[in-house]
Amino acid sequence: MKSVGSEMPVQQQRCRELLKVYRDLGPAGGFGAMMIEQALQRADRAIIGGDIVEILRSYEELKELE
């Protein structure tokens, strides 16, 4: 069984790679890139702050990004 603690970095990395894809789309990917950047920033703040509820929220948000 995997934990949020071990899976969160996996999701962050996946979303950073996804962000590159959206950026490569140019202006057409701008809105998606912005949404992914904001989600990653929220995840980083939650982890830095140690807020478990926000970490769980961010983890779920990152998992849903496509």
N, C-alpha and C. Protein backbone atom coordinates (compact mmCIF):
# COMPACT_ATOMS: atom_id res chain seq x y z
N MET A 1 0.84 -1.19 0.00
CA MET A 1 0.00 0.00 0.00
C MET A 1 0.89 1.25 0.00
N LYS A 2 0.54 2.17 -0.86
CA LYS A 2 1.33 3.40 -0.98
C LYS A 2 0.72 4.48 -0.10
N SER A 3 1.58 5.37 0.37
CA SER A 3 1.12 6.46 1.22
C SER A 3 1.16 7.78 0.47
N VAL A 4 0.43 8.75 0.97
CA VAL A 4 0.45 10.09 0.38
C VAL A 4 1.87 10.64 0.45
N GLY A 5 2.57 10.36 1.53
CA GLY A 5 3.93 10.84 1.69
C GLY A 5 4.87 10.34 0.60
N SER A 6 4.66 9.12 0.14
CA SER A 6 5.52 8.60 -0.92
C SER A 6 4.98 8.92 -2.31
N GLU A 7 3.68 9.10 -2.43
CA GLU A 7 3.06 9.36 -3.73
C GLU A 7 3.00 10.85 -4.10
N MET A 8 3.03 11.72 -3.12
CA MET A 8 2.95 13.16 -3.40
C MET A 8 4.09 13.61 -4.32
N PRO A 9 5.34 13.26 -4.04
CA PRO A 9 6.42 13.67 -4.94
C PRO A 9 6.25 13.09 -6.36
N VAL A 10 5.68 11.90 -6.45
CA VAL A 10 5.43 11.29 -7.75
C VAL A 10 4.43 12.13 -8.53
N GLN A 11 3.36 12.55 -7.86
CA GLN A 11 2.34 13.38 -8.51
C GLN A 11 2.90 14.75 -8.86
N GLN A 12 3.72 15.31 -8.00
CA GLN A 12 4.32 16.62 -8.30
C GLN A 12 5.19 16.52 -9.55
N GLN A 13 5.99 15.49 -9.64
CA GLN A 13 6.85 15.32 -10.80
C GLN A 13 6.03 15.10 -12.06
N ARG A 14 4.98 14.29 -11.96
CA ARG A 14 4.12 14.04 -13.11
C ARG A 14 3.50 15.35 -13.60
N CYS A 15 3.06 16.18 -12.66
CA CYS A 15 2.44 17.45 -13.02
C CYS A 15 3.45 18.44 -13.57
N ARG A 16 4.69 18.38 -13.11
CA ARG A 16 5.72 19.25 -13.68
C ARG A 16 6.00 18.86 -15.13
N GLU A 17 5.97 17.58 -15.41
CA GLU A 17 6.15 17.12 -16.79
C GLU A 17 4.93 17.51 -17.64
N LEU A 18 3.75 17.40 -17.06
CA LEU A 18 2.53 17.81 -17.74
C LEU A 18 2.56 19.32 -18.03
N LEU A 19 3.09 20.08 -17.11
CA LEU A 19 3.22 21.52 -17.29
C LEU A 19 4.07 21.84 -18.52
N LYS A 20 5.15 21.09 -18.72
CA LYS A 20 6.00 21.28 -19.89
C LYS A 20 5.21 21.04 -21.18
N VAL A 21 4.37 20.03 -21.16
CA VAL A 21 3.55 19.72 -22.34
C VAL A 21 2.63 20.90 -22.65
N TYR A 22 1.97 21.43 -21.63
CA TYR A 22 1.06 22.56 -21.84
C TYR A 22 1.82 23.80 -22.32
N ARG A 23 2.99 24.03 -21.76
CA ARG A 23 3.79 25.19 -22.20
C ARG A 23 4.22 25.05 -23.65
N ASP A 24 4.52 23.81 -24.07
CA ASP A 24 4.94 23.57 -25.44
C ASP A 24 3.81 23.83 -26.44
N LEU A 25 2.58 23.88 -25.96
CA LEU A 25 1.44 24.15 -26.84
C LEU A 25 1.35 25.63 -27.20
N GLY A 26 2.16 26.44 -26.56
CA GLY A 26 2.13 27.88 -26.81
C GLY A 26 0.90 28.51 -26.20
N PRO A 27 0.36 29.53 -26.86
CA PRO A 27 -0.80 30.24 -26.31
C PRO A 27 -2.01 29.33 -26.05
N ALA A 28 -2.16 28.28 -26.85
CA ALA A 28 -3.29 27.37 -26.68
C ALA A 28 -3.23 26.63 -25.34
N GLY A 29 -2.05 26.45 -24.79
CA GLY A 29 -1.90 25.74 -23.52
C GLY A 29 -1.74 26.66 -22.33
N GLY A 30 -1.87 27.96 -22.56
CA GLY A 30 -1.63 28.94 -21.49
C GLY A 30 -2.50 28.78 -20.28
N PHE A 31 -3.80 28.61 -20.48
CA PHE A 31 -4.71 28.49 -19.34
C PHE A 31 -4.43 27.22 -18.55
N GLY A 32 -4.24 26.10 -19.26
CA GLY A 32 -3.93 24.85 -18.59
C GLY A 32 -2.63 24.93 -17.82
N ALA A 33 -1.63 25.56 -18.42
CA ALA A 33 -0.34 25.71 -17.74
C ALA A 33 -0.49 26.53 -16.47
N MET A 34 -1.28 27.59 -16.55
CA MET A 34 -1.51 28.43 -15.37
C MET A 34 -2.18 27.63 -14.24
N MET A 35 -3.16 26.82 -14.60
CA MET A 35 -3.87 26.03 -13.60
C MET A 35 -2.94 25.00 -12.93
N ILE A 36 -2.09 24.39 -13.73
CA ILE A 36 -1.14 23.41 -13.20
C ILE A 36 -0.12 24.09 -12.30
N GLU A 37 0.38 25.25 -12.73
CA GLU A 37 1.34 26.00 -11.90
C GLU A 37 0.74 26.34 -10.55
N GLN A 38 -0.50 26.80 -10.55
CA GLN A 38 -1.15 27.16 -9.29
C GLN A 38 -1.35 25.95 -8.40
N ALA A 39 -1.72 24.82 -8.98
CA ALA A 39 -1.90 23.60 -8.19
C ALA A 39 -0.56 23.16 -7.58
N LEU A 40 0.51 23.25 -8.35
CA LEU A 40 1.83 22.89 -7.84
C LEU A 40 2.27 23.85 -6.73
N GLN A 41 1.97 25.12 -6.88
CA GLN A 41 2.31 26.09 -5.83
C GLN A 41 1.55 25.80 -4.54
N ARG A 42 0.28 25.46 -4.67
CA ARG A 42 -0.51 25.11 -3.47
C ARG A 42 0.06 23.87 -2.79
N ALA A 43 0.46 22.89 -3.59
CA ALA A 43 1.04 21.68 -3.04
C ALA A 43 2.35 21.98 -2.32
N ASP A 44 3.18 22.80 -2.93
CA ASP A 44 4.46 23.17 -2.29
C ASP A 44 4.22 23.89 -0.96
N ARG A 45 3.28 24.83 -0.96
CA ARG A 45 2.98 25.57 0.29
C ARG A 45 2.45 24.62 1.37
N ALA A 46 1.61 23.69 0.98
CA ALA A 46 1.05 22.74 1.96
C ALA A 46 2.17 21.90 2.57
N ILE A 47 3.07 21.44 1.74
CA ILE A 47 4.16 20.60 2.23
C ILE A 47 5.10 21.40 3.12
N ILE A 48 5.47 22.57 2.67
CA ILE A 48 6.37 23.42 3.46
C ILE A 48 5.74 23.77 4.80
N GLY A 49 4.44 24.06 4.79
CA GLY A 49 3.74 24.42 6.01
C GLY A 49 3.38 23.23 6.89
N GLY A 50 3.48 22.02 6.33
CA GLY A 50 3.16 20.82 7.11
C GLY A 50 1.68 20.67 7.41
N ASP A 51 0.84 21.31 6.61
CA ASP A 51 -0.61 21.26 6.82
C ASP A 51 -1.15 19.98 6.17
N ILE A 52 -1.44 19.00 7.02
CA ILE A 52 -1.85 17.68 6.53
C ILE A 52 -3.12 17.75 5.70
N VAL A 53 -4.09 18.53 6.14
CA VAL A 53 -5.35 18.64 5.40
C VAL A 53 -5.09 19.22 4.01
N GLU A 54 -4.28 20.26 3.93
CA GLU A 54 -3.97 20.87 2.64
C GLU A 54 -3.12 19.94 1.77
N ILE A 55 -2.25 19.17 2.39
CA ILE A 55 -1.45 18.20 1.64
C ILE A 55 -2.37 17.18 0.98
N LEU A 56 -3.33 16.67 1.74
CA LEU A 56 -4.28 15.70 1.19
C LEU A 56 -5.11 16.32 0.07
N ARG A 57 -5.55 17.55 0.28
CA ARG A 57 -6.33 18.26 -0.74
C ARG A 57 -5.50 18.45 -2.01
N SER A 58 -4.27 18.87 -1.84
CA SER A 58 -3.39 19.10 -2.98
C SER A 58 -3.07 17.80 -3.70
N TYR A 59 -2.86 16.75 -2.94
CA TYR A 59 -2.58 15.45 -3.55
C TYR A 59 -3.73 15.02 -4.45
N GLU A 60 -4.95 15.16 -3.98
CA GLU A 60 -6.11 14.80 -4.78
C GLU A 60 -6.23 15.70 -6.01
N GLU A 61 -5.94 16.99 -5.82
CA GLU A 61 -5.99 17.92 -6.94
C GLU A 61 -4.98 17.54 -8.01
N LEU A 62 -3.76 17.25 -7.61
CA LEU A 62 -2.72 16.88 -8.56
C LEU A 62 -3.06 15.59 -9.30
N LYS A 63 -3.63 14.63 -8.60
CA LYS A 63 -4.00 13.37 -9.23
C LYS A 63 -5.00 13.56 -10.36
N GLU A 64 -5.85 14.58 -10.24
CA GLU A 64 -6.90 14.81 -11.22
C GLU A 64 -6.43 15.57 -12.46
N LEU A 65 -5.26 16.17 -12.39
CA LEU A 65 -4.79 16.96 -13.54
C LEU A 65 -4.40 16.05 -14.70
N GLU A 66 -4.83 16.46 -15.89
CA GLU A 66 -4.52 15.70 -17.11
C GLU A 66 -4.02 16.62 -18.18
